[in-house]
Structures are given as structure tokens and as C-alpha cells.
Amino acid sequence: MARGITLVESSRADHQKIAQALLAALLPETGKAVRLGLSGTPGVGKSTFIEAFGRLLTGKGLRVAVLAVDPSSARTGGSILGDKTRMELLARDPRAFIRPSPSGGTLGGVARRTREAMLLAEAAGYDVILVETVGVGQSETSVADMVDMFVLLLAPGGGDELQGIKRGIMELADLIVVNKADGDLAPAARRAQTEYQAALHLMRPKTAAWTPHVLLASALKGEGLDKVWEAAEAYRTALTKSGDLDRLRANQAKAWFWTELREGLIASLKTDPKAAALVPQLEREVGEGGTTPTAAARRLLGLVLGRAEEA
């Protein structure tokens, strides 16, 4: 499976051709796993939580695949990819598979090929797929377009922290978990739970079949993790019964299609010889104020698509 993920992540045209043939052959074996996306504020303990949660699930006899995304350097394009080091115990579990991947500059907290990696993990027989994003930011929402349930991890902090979290990601959350709810932080965690729950009441649920709520957990002590899994199971049951799960996955497939279309157009612009020759001229005109970015972009698109804008 690791080799398969490496194949789908490759940008080489010949590798992509083989990868798409592989995915087409495996497609009938996909779709059976529980897909959970996890994001959270820096320092919330995502890796610790995922390791503890993953070990809980493997202890129940489930096979767990963790697809973790590390941010890529804007200068070198490299990533540390240290999730296996941070999840040492889970990495040694025979029922678990951990795959760190670089974000590669892709917005949304996930790598461009995370969806394909998820399909490969499902075809390999994994029961639960955990997608860990790089962290909370204004664009950390793409994971919601590829998982069944989006779990937002927050640390005890209450109102001040709530102000720093974008409303958009709160609206996307199907479950909020306040981690580190132990020891001296336990009272603060309970206050945070109350404040986050109040904030959720001001937001419209994504589906009538499920109302998001807030749970307390301590990944360090292994407390509250069972309730998180119970909530995930209840969520899946509710959405399956209402038919919302099928609709959700259908809409995600459409979103995936448009994402690939956009990426494909950008790739065409970069590889088209006429476009490559025109880009420096358009950049110079835009920089000198001779034309607007919109007009320049339309001219370039017109050239590639063969429309009248190239004139």
C-alpha cells in the first residue's frame, strides 16, 4: 500500500497513468471505511490524540490507517514528515498504518493526493481512515470535502482562544473535542466545553440528522476517547439512516472532480509552449500597470483554450 500511495503521489505522467488504472481497478473495493478528518490549533496535541485514539480502535480489533499531512517549506518544498516518530507506539501496531505526506503547497491542510491514498487504504481493508491536517488556518477546510466526519480538536482556553478560531472551520466541525482535559486544566476544559457548545448553538448544522456537540478528552490519560468513537459511530448511523451519508460522498466526489479540473488547467498552462512564452510578457504588463490581472489571466486562458481572448 505504501508503494501504491507513492505511485499516486508522483507527478510523473507515466506514474499517474498507472496510478489511475490502479485506482479504477480498486474502486469497487472502496467506500466501506469510516472516514474521519482531524484538525486543531497548534499545540493541541493532535499527534498524541491520534496515537491514543488509534490504539483504542486497534484494541477493538479495527484496522486503522493514519494519513498525516506535514506542511511543506515554501523555500525548499521539503517536509519533516515526523508523524511516525511522534506516534511511536501506534507505528509499531500491526493493525495500524501511518503515512505522512507533504502538503506540497496545497491549500486546505491536506495533500493533493490524500483522496487517492484514502481509497487505497479502504481497498486494503482498513476499517477507519484518520486524516490529520497540518493545523487550523483560514484554508484548513478541504479535509471536510473528503471525510464523513470532521473532528476539531481544541485545547482548554475558552473565550480568548475562541476569538482566534475562524467561524468557517467551526461551522464545518461535526464534533469538537477539548483535549488535555486533565489535572489543573480540567476546570478550564469544562469552561471551554460550555463556551464552545454555546458557540455551536449560533451556527446552523450541516444536516438535520446530526447536531454537533463538544466532548472532553485527555489523550495523555486515555480518558474520553471511547465517547469520541461512540459519537463517530452515532454520526455514521444517523447519516446512513437519513441518506445524508450517500449524498455527502456524492457531493465530495463532485468537489474532487472540480479540484482536479482546476489543477489540470494550471498544469496545462505550465506545459503549453505558447502559454509559457506569453506568461513573462503578461507578468511584465501586470507589474507595470499596463493591464489588469483579470484581463491578463483571460488572455492566457483564451490562448490555451483556443478562444478569441488570445487576440
C-alpha atoms as a PDB file:
ATOM      1  CA  MET A   1       0.000   0.000   0.000  1.00  0.00           C
ATOM      2  CA  ALA A   2       2.915   2.334   0.735  1.00  0.00           C
ATOM      3  CA  ARG A   3       4.198   1.806  -2.804  1.00  0.00           C
ATOM      4  CA  GLY A   4       0.717   2.461  -4.167  1.00  0.00           C
ATOM      5  CA  ILE A   5       0.487   5.786  -2.302  1.00  0.00           C
ATOM      6  CA  THR A   6       3.953   6.734  -3.570  1.00  0.00           C
ATOM      7  CA  LEU A   7       2.705   5.989  -7.075  1.00  0.00           C
ATOM      8  CA  VAL A   8      -0.417   8.173  -6.826  1.00  0.00           C
ATOM      9  CA  GLU A   9       1.611  10.986  -5.232  1.00  0.00           C
ATOM     10  CA  SER A  10       4.105  11.007  -8.107  1.00  0.00           C
ATOM     11  CA  SER A  11       3.818  13.917 -10.536  1.00  0.00           C
ATOM     12  CA  ARG A  12       5.295  11.947 -13.433  1.00  0.00           C
ATOM     13  CA  ALA A  13       2.840  11.440 -16.294  1.00  0.00           C
ATOM     14  CA  ASP A  14       3.684   7.740 -16.724  1.00  0.00           C
ATOM     15  CA  HIS A  15       3.234   7.112 -12.983  1.00  0.00           C
ATOM     16  CA  GLN A  16      -0.089   8.943 -12.978  1.00  0.00           C
ATOM     17  CA  LYS A  17      -1.350   6.781 -15.849  1.00  0.00           C
ATOM     18  CA  ILE A  18      -0.555   3.609 -13.908  1.00  0.00           C
ATOM     19  CA  ALA A  19      -1.954   5.106 -10.682  1.00  0.00           C
ATOM     20  CA  GLN A  20      -5.298   5.925 -12.284  1.00  0.00           C
ATOM     21  CA  ALA A  21      -5.524   2.406 -13.723  1.00  0.00           C
ATOM     22  CA  LEU A  22      -4.807   1.011 -10.245  1.00  0.00           C
ATOM     23  CA  LEU A  23      -7.481   3.194  -8.637  1.00  0.00           C
ATOM     24  CA  ALA A  24     -10.037   2.246 -11.301  1.00  0.00           C
ATOM     25  CA  ALA A  25      -9.409  -1.437 -10.594  1.00  0.00           C
ATOM     26  CA  LEU A  26      -9.708  -0.939  -6.818  1.00  0.00           C
ATOM     27  CA  LEU A  27     -12.740   1.390  -6.855  1.00  0.00           C
ATOM     28  CA  PRO A  28     -15.320  -1.408  -6.239  1.00  0.00           C
ATOM     29  CA  GLU A  29     -13.466  -2.288  -3.014  1.00  0.00           C
ATOM     30  CA  THR A  30     -13.608   1.247  -1.594  1.00  0.00           C
ATOM     31  CA  GLY A  31     -16.185   3.185   0.419  1.00  0.00           C
ATOM     32  CA  LYS A  32     -16.602   0.826   3.360  1.00  0.00           C
ATOM     33  CA  ALA A  33     -14.354   2.543   5.908  1.00  0.00           C
ATOM     34  CA  VAL A  34     -15.236   5.210   8.454  1.00  0.00           C
ATOM     35  CA  ARG A  35     -13.527   8.404   7.254  1.00  0.00           C
ATOM     36  CA  LEU A  36     -12.587  10.857   9.999  1.00  0.00           C
ATOM     37  CA  GLY A  37     -10.795  14.164   9.478  1.00  0.00           C
ATOM     38  CA  LEU A  38      -8.955  15.779  12.385  1.00  0.00           C
ATOM     39  CA  SER A  39      -7.657  19.323  12.666  1.00  0.00           C
ATOM     40  CA  GLY A  40      -6.761  21.514  15.562  1.00  0.00           C
ATOM     41  CA  THR A  41      -4.966  24.528  16.899  1.00  0.00           C
ATOM     42  CA  PRO A  42      -1.145  24.385  17.247  1.00  0.00           C
ATOM     43  CA  GLY A  43      -0.141  22.684  20.491  1.00  0.00           C
ATOM     44  CA  VAL A  44      -3.486  20.966  20.969  1.00  0.00           C
ATOM     45  CA  GLY A  45      -1.814  17.556  20.854  1.00  0.00           C
ATOM     46  CA  LYS A  46      -3.118  16.170  17.548  1.00  0.00           C
ATOM     47  CA  SER A  47      -0.447  13.500  17.220  1.00  0.00           C
ATOM     48  CA  THR A  48      -0.831  12.408  20.853  1.00  0.00           C
ATOM     49  CA  PHE A  49      -4.606  12.271  20.439  1.00  0.00           C
ATOM     50  CA  ILE A  50      -4.437  10.317  17.165  1.00  0.00           C
ATOM     51  CA  GLU A  51      -1.992   7.800  18.629  1.00  0.00           C
ATOM     52  CA  ALA A  52      -4.155   7.224  21.730  1.00  0.00           C
ATOM     53  CA  PHE A  53      -7.361   7.146  19.672  1.00  0.00           C
ATOM     54  CA  GLY A  54      -5.814   4.840  17.073  1.00  0.00           C
ATOM     55  CA  ARG A  55      -4.625   2.413  19.736  1.00  0.00           C
ATOM     56  CA  LEU A  56      -8.108   2.418  21.252  1.00  0.00           C
ATOM     57  CA  LEU A  57      -9.550   1.416  17.865  1.00  0.00           C
ATOM     58  CA  THR A  58      -6.940  -1.265  17.157  1.00  0.00           C
ATOM     59  CA  GLY A  59      -7.661  -2.607  20.634  1.00  0.00           C
ATOM     60  CA  LYS A  60     -11.252  -3.094  19.483  1.00  0.00           C
ATOM     61  CA  GLY A  61      -9.991  -5.205  16.586  1.00  0.00           C
ATOM     62  CA  LEU A  62     -10.248  -2.467  13.955  1.00  0.00           C
ATOM     63  CA  ARG A  63      -7.579  -1.731  11.338  1.00  0.00           C
ATOM     64  CA  VAL A  64      -6.605   1.953  11.310  1.00  0.00           C
ATOM     65  CA  ALA A  65      -4.843   3.984   8.613  1.00  0.00           C
ATOM     66  CA  VAL A  66      -3.486   7.424   9.537  1.00  0.00           C
ATOM     67  CA  LEU A  67      -2.878   9.794   6.630  1.00  0.00           C
ATOM     68  CA  ALA A  68      -0.955  12.683   8.175  1.00  0.00           C
ATOM     69  CA  VAL A  69      -0.059  15.802   6.220  1.00  0.00           C
ATOM     70  CA  ASP A  70       3.012  17.863   7.094  1.00  0.00           C
ATOM     71  CA  PRO A  71       3.464  21.431   5.834  1.00  0.00           C
ATOM     72  CA  SER A  72       5.987  21.855   3.042  1.00  0.00           C
ATOM     73  CA  SER A  73       8.639  24.553   3.131  1.00  0.00           C
ATOM     74  CA  ALA A  74       7.796  27.489   0.889  1.00  0.00           C
ATOM     75  CA  ARG A  75      11.509  27.841   0.044  1.00  0.00           C
ATOM     76  CA  THR A  76      12.735  24.264  -0.409  1.00  0.00           C
ATOM     77  CA  GLY A  77       9.499  22.307  -0.787  1.00  0.00           C
ATOM     78  CA  GLY A  78      10.714  19.839   1.853  1.00  0.00           C
ATOM     79  CA  SER A  79       8.808  18.438   4.834  1.00  0.00           C
ATOM     80  CA  ILE A  80       9.946  16.886   8.109  1.00  0.00           C
ATOM     81  CA  LEU A  81       7.384  14.027   7.909  1.00  0.00           C
ATOM     82  CA  GLY A  82       7.884  13.186  11.571  1.00  0.00           C
ATOM     83  CA  ASP A  83       4.480  11.694  12.394  1.00  0.00           C
ATOM     84  CA  LYS A  84       5.780   8.137  12.692  1.00  0.00           C
ATOM     85  CA  THR A  85       8.271   9.394  15.284  1.00  0.00           C
ATOM     86  CA  ARG A  86       5.542  11.229  17.204  1.00  0.00           C
ATOM     87  CA  MET A  87       3.254   8.146  17.087  1.00  0.00           C
ATOM     88  CA  GLU A  88       5.870   5.571  18.017  1.00  0.00           C
ATOM     89  CA  LEU A  89       3.547   3.066  19.714  1.00  0.00           C
ATOM     90  CA  LEU A  90       0.871   3.221  17.015  1.00  0.00           C
ATOM     91  CA  ALA A  91       3.523   2.917  14.284  1.00  0.00           C
ATOM     92  CA  ARG A  92       4.529  -0.476  15.745  1.00  0.00           C
ATOM     93  CA  ASP A  93       0.930  -1.715  15.949  1.00  0.00           C
ATOM     94  CA  PRO A  94       0.343  -4.416  13.280  1.00  0.00           C
ATOM     95  CA  ARG A  95      -3.261  -3.224  12.861  1.00  0.00           C
ATOM     96  CA  ALA A  96      -2.188   0.350  12.092  1.00  0.00           C
ATOM     97  CA  PHE A  97      -0.647   2.074   9.093  1.00  0.00           C
ATOM     98  CA  ILE A  98       0.786   5.609   9.267  1.00  0.00           C
ATOM     99  CA  ARG A  99       1.635   7.549   6.127  1.00  0.00           C
ATOM    100  CA  PRO A 100       3.000  11.099   6.440  1.00  0.00           C
ATOM    101  CA  SER A 101       2.821  13.110   3.209  1.00  0.00           C
ATOM    102  CA  PRO A 102       3.994  16.628   2.337  1.00  0.00           C
ATOM    103  CA  SER A 103       1.290  19.216   1.670  1.00  0.00           C
ATOM    104  CA  GLY A 104       3.292  20.296  -1.367  1.00  0.00           C
ATOM    105  CA  GLY A 105       1.924  23.806  -1.143  1.00  0.00           C
ATOM    106  CA  THR A 106      -1.666  22.582  -1.462  1.00  0.00           C
ATOM    107  CA  LEU A 107      -4.105  24.744   0.492  1.00  0.00           C
ATOM    108  CA  GLY A 108      -6.696  23.218   2.773  1.00  0.00           C
ATOM    109  CA  GLY A 109      -4.408  21.347   5.141  1.00  0.00           C
ATOM    110  CA  VAL A 110      -4.257  18.195   3.017  1.00  0.00           C
ATOM    111  CA  ALA A 111      -2.009  16.901   0.263  1.00  0.00           C
ATOM    112  CA  ARG A 112      -3.386  16.894  -3.288  1.00  0.00           C
ATOM    113  CA  ARG A 113      -3.424  13.079  -3.420  1.00  0.00           C
ATOM    114  CA  THR A 114      -4.862  12.433   0.055  1.00  0.00           C
ATOM    115  CA  ARG A 115      -8.161  11.329  -1.515  1.00  0.00           C
ATOM    116  CA  GLU A 116      -6.429   8.682  -3.620  1.00  0.00           C
ATOM    117  CA  ALA A 117      -4.410   7.491  -0.618  1.00  0.00           C
ATOM    118  CA  MET A 118      -7.652   7.137   1.314  1.00  0.00           C
ATOM    119  CA  LEU A 119      -9.157   4.952  -1.434  1.00  0.00           C
ATOM    120  CA  LEU A 120      -6.068   2.736  -1.416  1.00  0.00           C
ATOM    121  CA  ALA A 121      -6.328   2.301   2.360  1.00  0.00           C
ATOM    122  CA  GLU A 122     -10.002   1.351   2.063  1.00  0.00           C
ATOM    123  CA  ALA A 123      -9.255  -1.167  -0.688  1.00  0.00           C
ATOM    124  CA  ALA A 124      -6.522  -2.651   1.535  1.00  0.00           C
ATOM    125  CA  GLY A 125      -9.182  -3.431   4.154  1.00  0.00           C
ATOM    126  CA  TYR A 126      -8.664  -0.690   6.728  1.00  0.00           C
ATOM    127  CA  ASP A 127     -11.800  -0.019   8.796  1.00  0.00           C
ATOM    128  CA  VAL A 128     -11.057   3.543   9.927  1.00  0.00           C
ATOM    129  CA  ILE A 129      -9.195   6.234   7.983  1.00  0.00           C
ATOM    130  CA  LEU A 130      -7.878   9.150  10.062  1.00  0.00           C
ATOM    131  CA  VAL A 131      -6.840  12.187   8.010  1.00  0.00           C
ATOM    132  CA  GLU A 132      -4.734  14.610  10.060  1.00  0.00           C
ATOM    133  CA  THR A 133      -4.411  18.107   8.585  1.00  0.00           C
ATOM    134  CA  VAL A 134      -1.462  20.441   9.089  1.00  0.00           C
ATOM    135  CA  GLY A 135      -3.396  22.662  11.506  1.00  0.00           C
ATOM    136  CA  VAL A 136      -6.042  25.343  11.814  1.00  0.00           C
ATOM    137  CA  GLY A 137      -5.867  28.267   9.419  1.00  0.00           C
ATOM    138  CA  GLN A 138      -8.101  30.194   7.079  1.00  0.00           C
ATOM    139  CA  SER A 139      -7.884  27.479   4.426  1.00  0.00           C
ATOM    140  CA  GLU A 140      -7.939  24.389   6.660  1.00  0.00           C
ATOM    141  CA  THR A 141     -11.298  23.259   5.315  1.00  0.00           C
ATOM    142  CA  SER A 142     -10.546  20.965   2.363  1.00  0.00           C
ATOM    143  CA  VAL A 143     -10.493  17.921   4.644  1.00  0.00           C
ATOM    144  CA  ALA A 144     -14.246  18.360   5.134  1.00  0.00           C
ATOM    145  CA  ASP A 145     -14.667  17.643   1.413  1.00  0.00           C
ATOM    146  CA  MET A 146     -13.172  14.158   1.697  1.00  0.00           C
ATOM    147  CA  VAL A 147     -14.233  12.678   5.063  1.00  0.00           C
ATOM    148  CA  ASP A 148     -17.506  11.578   6.623  1.00  0.00           C
ATOM    149  CA  MET A 149     -16.963  13.338   9.938  1.00  0.00           C
ATOM    150  CA  PHE A 150     -14.803  16.380  10.647  1.00  0.00           C
ATOM    151  CA  VAL A 151     -13.434  16.494  14.199  1.00  0.00           C
ATOM    152  CA  LEU A 152     -11.965  19.744  15.507  1.00  0.00           C
ATOM    153  CA  LEU A 153      -9.514  19.408  18.418  1.00  0.00           C
ATOM    154  CA  LEU A 154      -9.208  22.362  20.756  1.00  0.00           C
ATOM    155  CA  ALA A 155      -7.246  22.989  23.931  1.00  0.00           C
ATOM    156  CA  PRO A 156      -8.625  24.452  27.169  1.00  0.00           C
ATOM    157  CA  GLY A 157      -8.625  28.205  26.714  1.00  0.00           C
ATOM    158  CA  GLY A 158     -12.174  29.409  26.480  1.00  0.00           C
ATOM    159  CA  GLY A 159     -13.172  32.778  25.092  1.00  0.00           C
ATOM    160  CA  ASP A 160      -9.763  34.135  24.116  1.00  0.00           C
ATOM    161  CA  GLU A 161      -8.981  31.089  22.008  1.00  0.00           C
ATOM    162  CA  LEU A 162     -12.462  31.086  20.527  1.00  0.00           C
ATOM    163  CA  GLN A 163     -11.812  34.549  19.124  1.00  0.00           C
ATOM    164  CA  GLY A 164      -8.782  33.239  17.250  1.00  0.00           C
ATOM    165  CA  ILE A 165     -10.619  30.405  15.501  1.00  0.00           C
ATOM    166  CA  LYS A 166     -12.270  31.208  12.186  1.00  0.00           C
ATOM    167  CA  ARG A 167     -16.030  30.824  12.140  1.00  0.00           C
ATOM    168  CA  GLY A 168     -15.774  28.849   8.891  1.00  0.00           C
ATOM    169  CA  ILE A 169     -13.957  25.896  10.425  1.00  0.00           C
ATOM    170  CA  MET A 170     -16.304  25.899  13.425  1.00  0.00           C
ATOM    171  CA  GLU A 171     -19.256  25.624  11.048  1.00  0.00           C
ATOM    172  CA  LEU A 172     -17.656  22.650   9.326  1.00  0.00           C
ATOM    173  CA  ALA A 173     -16.996  20.729  12.551  1.00  0.00           C
ATOM    174  CA  ASP A 174     -19.264  17.724  13.190  1.00  0.00           C
ATOM    175  CA  LEU A 175     -17.674  17.184  16.585  1.00  0.00           C
ATOM    176  CA  ILE A 176     -15.467  19.343  18.797  1.00  0.00           C
ATOM    177  CA  VAL A 177     -13.143  17.671  21.280  1.00  0.00           C
ATOM    178  CA  VAL A 178     -11.474  19.683  24.034  1.00  0.00           C
ATOM    179  CA  ASN A 179      -8.224  17.799  24.596  1.00  0.00           C
ATOM    180  CA  LYS A 180      -5.918  17.974  27.645  1.00  0.00           C
ATOM    181  CA  ALA A 181      -8.941  17.887  29.968  1.00  0.00           C
ATOM    182  CA  ASP A 182      -6.945  16.581  32.928  1.00  0.00           C
ATOM    183  CA  GLY A 183      -5.125  17.766  36.037  1.00  0.00           C
ATOM    184  CA  ASP A 184      -5.000  21.517  36.590  1.00  0.00           C
ATOM    185  CA  LEU A 185      -6.541  22.094  33.149  1.00  0.00           C
ATOM    186  CA  ALA A 186      -9.719  20.130  33.921  1.00  0.00           C
ATOM    187  CA  PRO A 187     -11.731  23.172  35.194  1.00  0.00           C
ATOM    188  CA  ALA A 188     -10.609  25.275  32.207  1.00  0.00           C
ATOM    189  CA  ALA A 189     -11.565  22.418  29.873  1.00  0.00           C
ATOM    190  CA  ARG A 190     -15.090  22.276  31.321  1.00  0.00           C
ATOM    191  CA  ARG A 191     -15.469  26.046  30.898  1.00  0.00           C
ATOM    192  CA  ALA A 192     -14.214  25.785  27.336  1.00  0.00           C
ATOM    193  CA  GLN A 193     -16.700  22.985  26.649  1.00  0.00           C
ATOM    194  CA  THR A 194     -19.558  25.231  27.789  1.00  0.00           C
ATOM    195  CA  GLU A 195     -18.359  28.184  25.694  1.00  0.00           C
ATOM    196  CA  TYR A 196     -17.800  26.130  22.532  1.00  0.00           C
ATOM    197  CA  GLN A 197     -21.189  24.467  22.939  1.00  0.00           C
ATOM    198  CA  ALA A 198     -22.810  27.882  23.214  1.00  0.00           C
ATOM    199  CA  ALA A 199     -20.984  28.996  20.062  1.00  0.00           C
ATOM    200  CA  LEU A 200     -22.244  25.932  18.174  1.00  0.00           C
ATOM    201  CA  HIS A 201     -25.845  26.841  19.037  1.00  0.00           C
ATOM    202  CA  LEU A 202     -25.405  30.010  16.964  1.00  0.00           C
ATOM    203  CA  MET A 203     -24.469  28.008  13.871  1.00  0.00           C
ATOM    204  CA  ARG A 204     -26.715  26.058  11.534  1.00  0.00           C
ATOM    205  CA  PRO A 205     -25.985  22.292  11.480  1.00  0.00           C
ATOM    206  CA  LYS A 206     -24.808  20.870   8.144  1.00  0.00           C
ATOM    207  CA  THR A 207     -27.537  18.209   8.283  1.00  0.00           C
ATOM    208  CA  ALA A 208     -30.796  17.768  10.147  1.00  0.00           C
ATOM    209  CA  ALA A 209     -29.718  14.248  11.096  1.00  0.00           C
ATOM    210  CA  TRP A 210     -26.870  15.384  13.364  1.00  0.00           C
ATOM    211  CA  THR A 211     -26.283  18.200  15.836  1.00  0.00           C
ATOM    212  CA  PRO A 212     -22.589  18.929  16.538  1.00  0.00           C
ATOM    213  CA  HIS A 213     -21.570  18.889  20.179  1.00  0.00           C
ATOM    214  CA  VAL A 214     -18.493  19.213  22.378  1.00  0.00           C
ATOM    215  CA  LEU A 215     -16.731  16.404  24.248  1.00  0.00           C
ATOM    216  CA  LEU A 216     -13.890  16.389  26.785  1.00  0.00           C
ATOM    217  CA  ALA A 217     -10.877  14.104  26.393  1.00  0.00           C
ATOM    218  CA  SER A 218      -7.382  13.522  27.689  1.00  0.00           C
ATOM    219  CA  ALA A 219      -5.223  11.736  25.155  1.00  0.00           C
ATOM    220  CA  LEU A 220      -2.386  11.604  27.691  1.00  0.00           C
ATOM    221  CA  LYS A 221      -4.501   9.649  30.189  1.00  0.00           C
ATOM    222  CA  GLY A 222      -6.696   7.890  27.635  1.00  0.00           C
ATOM    223  CA  GLU A 223      -9.857   9.438  29.033  1.00  0.00           C
ATOM    224  CA  GLY A 224     -12.910  10.339  26.953  1.00  0.00           C
ATOM    225  CA  LEU A 225     -11.656   8.572  23.813  1.00  0.00           C
ATOM    226  CA  ASP A 226     -14.407   5.951  23.977  1.00  0.00           C
ATOM    227  CA  LYS A 227     -17.003   8.721  23.861  1.00  0.00           C
ATOM    228  CA  VAL A 228     -15.352  10.179  20.752  1.00  0.00           C
ATOM    229  CA  TRP A 229     -15.639   6.808  18.981  1.00  0.00           C
ATOM    230  CA  GLU A 230     -19.228   6.409  20.192  1.00  0.00           C
ATOM    231  CA  ALA A 231     -20.016   9.820  18.702  1.00  0.00           C
ATOM    232  CA  ALA A 232     -18.381   8.804  15.406  1.00  0.00           C
ATOM    233  CA  GLU A 233     -20.460   5.622  15.282  1.00  0.00           C
ATOM    234  CA  ALA A 234     -23.655   7.510  16.185  1.00  0.00           C
ATOM    235  CA  TYR A 235     -22.911  10.087  13.494  1.00  0.00           C
ATOM    236  CA  ARG A 236     -22.385   7.439  10.828  1.00  0.00           C
ATOM    237  CA  THR A 237     -25.546   5.588  11.862  1.00  0.00           C
ATOM    238  CA  ALA A 238     -27.643   8.776  11.803  1.00  0.00           C
ATOM    239  CA  LEU A 239     -26.375   9.903   8.395  1.00  0.00           C
ATOM    240  CA  THR A 240     -26.700   6.424   6.886  1.00  0.00           C
ATOM    241  CA  LYS A 241     -30.286   6.131   8.102  1.00  0.00           C
ATOM    242  CA  SER A 242     -31.229   9.568   6.727  1.00  0.00           C
ATOM    243  CA  GLY A 243     -29.441   9.003   3.408  1.00  0.00           C
ATOM    244  CA  ASP A 244     -27.197  12.013   4.072  1.00  0.00           C
ATOM    245  CA  LEU A 245     -24.009   9.919   4.010  1.00  0.00           C
ATOM    246  CA  ASP A 246     -24.575   8.863   0.391  1.00  0.00           C
ATOM    247  CA  ARG A 247     -25.397  12.453  -0.571  1.00  0.00           C
ATOM    248  CA  LEU A 248     -22.331  13.732   1.288  1.00  0.00           C
ATOM    249  CA  ARG A 249     -19.993  11.352  -0.529  1.00  0.00           C
ATOM    250  CA  ALA A 250     -21.620  12.129  -3.884  1.00  0.00           C
ATOM    251  CA  ASN A 251     -21.067  15.855  -3.318  1.00  0.00           C
ATOM    252  CA  GLN A 252     -17.478  15.162  -2.238  1.00  0.00           C
ATOM    253  CA  ALA A 253     -16.860  13.270  -5.486  1.00  0.00           C
ATOM    254  CA  LYS A 254     -18.150  16.287  -7.437  1.00  0.00           C
ATOM    255  CA  ALA A 255     -15.905  18.622  -5.417  1.00  0.00           C
ATOM    256  CA  TRP A 256     -12.981  16.296  -6.150  1.00  0.00           C
ATOM    257  CA  PHE A 257     -13.789  16.478  -9.874  1.00  0.00           C
ATOM    258  CA  TRP A 258     -13.680  20.286  -9.884  1.00  0.00           C
ATOM    259  CA  THR A 259     -10.464  20.312  -7.850  1.00  0.00           C
ATOM    260  CA  GLU A 260      -8.792  18.014 -10.370  1.00  0.00           C
ATOM    261  CA  LEU A 261     -10.129  20.143 -13.220  1.00  0.00           C
ATOM    262  CA  ARG A 262      -8.601  23.301 -11.720  1.00  0.00           C
ATOM    263  CA  GLU A 263      -5.288  21.551 -11.080  1.00  0.00           C
ATOM    264  CA  GLY A 264      -5.335  20.163 -14.607  1.00  0.00           C
ATOM    265  CA  LEU A 265      -5.908  23.594 -16.119  1.00  0.00           C
ATOM    266  CA  ILE A 266      -2.979  25.037 -14.164  1.00  0.00           C
ATOM    267  CA  ALA A 267      -0.789  22.132 -15.279  1.00  0.00           C
ATOM    268  CA  SER A 268      -1.829  22.765 -18.906  1.00  0.00           C
ATOM    269  CA  LEU A 269      -0.888  26.421 -18.596  1.00  0.00           C
ATOM    270  CA  LYS A 270       2.555  25.470 -17.302  1.00  0.00           C
ATOM    271  CA  THR A 271       3.257  22.894 -20.020  1.00  0.00           C
ATOM    272  CA  ASP A 272       1.726  24.638 -23.050  1.00  0.00           C
ATOM    273  CA  PRO A 273       4.583  26.165 -25.137  1.00  0.00           C
ATOM    274  CA  LYS A 274       2.542  29.170 -26.316  1.00  0.00           C
ATOM    275  CA  ALA A 275       1.407  29.895 -22.775  1.00  0.00           C
ATOM    276  CA  ALA A 276       4.962  29.580 -21.424  1.00  0.00           C
ATOM    277  CA  ALA A 277       6.120  32.140 -23.975  1.00  0.00           C
ATOM    278  CA  LEU A 278       3.287  34.553 -23.171  1.00  0.00           C
ATOM    279  CA  VAL A 279       3.476  34.387 -19.353  1.00  0.00           C
ATOM    280  CA  PRO A 280       6.604  36.597 -18.935  1.00  0.00           C
ATOM    281  CA  GLN A 281       5.040  39.283 -21.149  1.00  0.00           C
ATOM    282  CA  LEU A 282       1.765  39.232 -19.224  1.00  0.00           C
ATOM    283  CA  GLU A 283       3.577  39.321 -15.880  1.00  0.00           C
ATOM    284  CA  ARG A 284       5.543  42.365 -17.041  1.00  0.00           C
ATOM    285  CA  GLU A 285       2.400  44.155 -18.265  1.00  0.00           C
ATOM    286  CA  VAL A 286       0.578  43.423 -14.994  1.00  0.00           C
ATOM    287  CA  GLY A 287       3.564  44.562 -12.927  1.00  0.00           C
ATOM    288  CA  GLU A 288       3.882  47.810 -14.895  1.00  0.00           C
ATOM    289  CA  GLY A 289       0.154  48.519 -14.632  1.00  0.00           C
ATOM    290  CA  GLY A 290      -0.376  48.154 -18.388  1.00  0.00           C
ATOM    291  CA  THR A 291      -3.215  45.664 -17.922  1.00  0.00           C
ATOM    292  CA  THR A 292      -5.303  44.233 -15.121  1.00  0.00           C
ATOM    293  CA  PRO A 293      -4.569  40.777 -13.679  1.00  0.00           C
ATOM    294  CA  THR A 294      -8.067  39.668 -14.716  1.00  0.00           C
ATOM    295  CA  ALA A 295      -7.570  40.710 -18.346  1.00  0.00           C
ATOM    296  CA  ALA A 296      -4.147  39.061 -18.448  1.00  0.00           C
ATOM    297  CA  ALA A 297      -5.499  35.825 -16.978  1.00  0.00           C
ATOM    298  CA  ARG A 298      -8.344  35.738 -19.503  1.00  0.00           C
ATOM    299  CA  ARG A 299      -5.912  36.287 -22.350  1.00  0.00           C
ATOM    300  CA  LEU A 300      -3.756  33.399 -21.176  1.00  0.00           C
ATOM    301  CA  LEU A 301      -6.755  31.092 -20.704  1.00  0.00           C
ATOM    302  CA  GLY A 302      -8.053  32.080 -24.112  1.00  0.00           C
ATOM    303  CA  LEU A 303      -4.750  31.111 -25.670  1.00  0.00           C
ATOM    304  CA  VAL A 304      -4.761  27.654 -24.096  1.00  0.00           C
ATOM    305  CA  LEU A 305      -8.457  27.007 -24.675  1.00  0.00           C
ATOM    306  CA  GLY A 306      -8.348  28.385 -28.236  1.00  0.00           C
ATOM    307  CA  ARG A 307     -10.832  31.189 -27.723  1.00  0.00           C
ATOM    308  CA  ALA A 308     -10.930  34.757 -29.032  1.00  0.00           C
ATOM    309  CA  GLU A 309      -9.268  36.251 -25.931  1.00  0.00           C
ATOM    310  CA  GLU A 310      -5.845  35.359 -27.366  1.00  0.00           C
ATOM    311  CA  ALA A 311      -6.164  38.205 -29.883  1.00  0.00           C
END
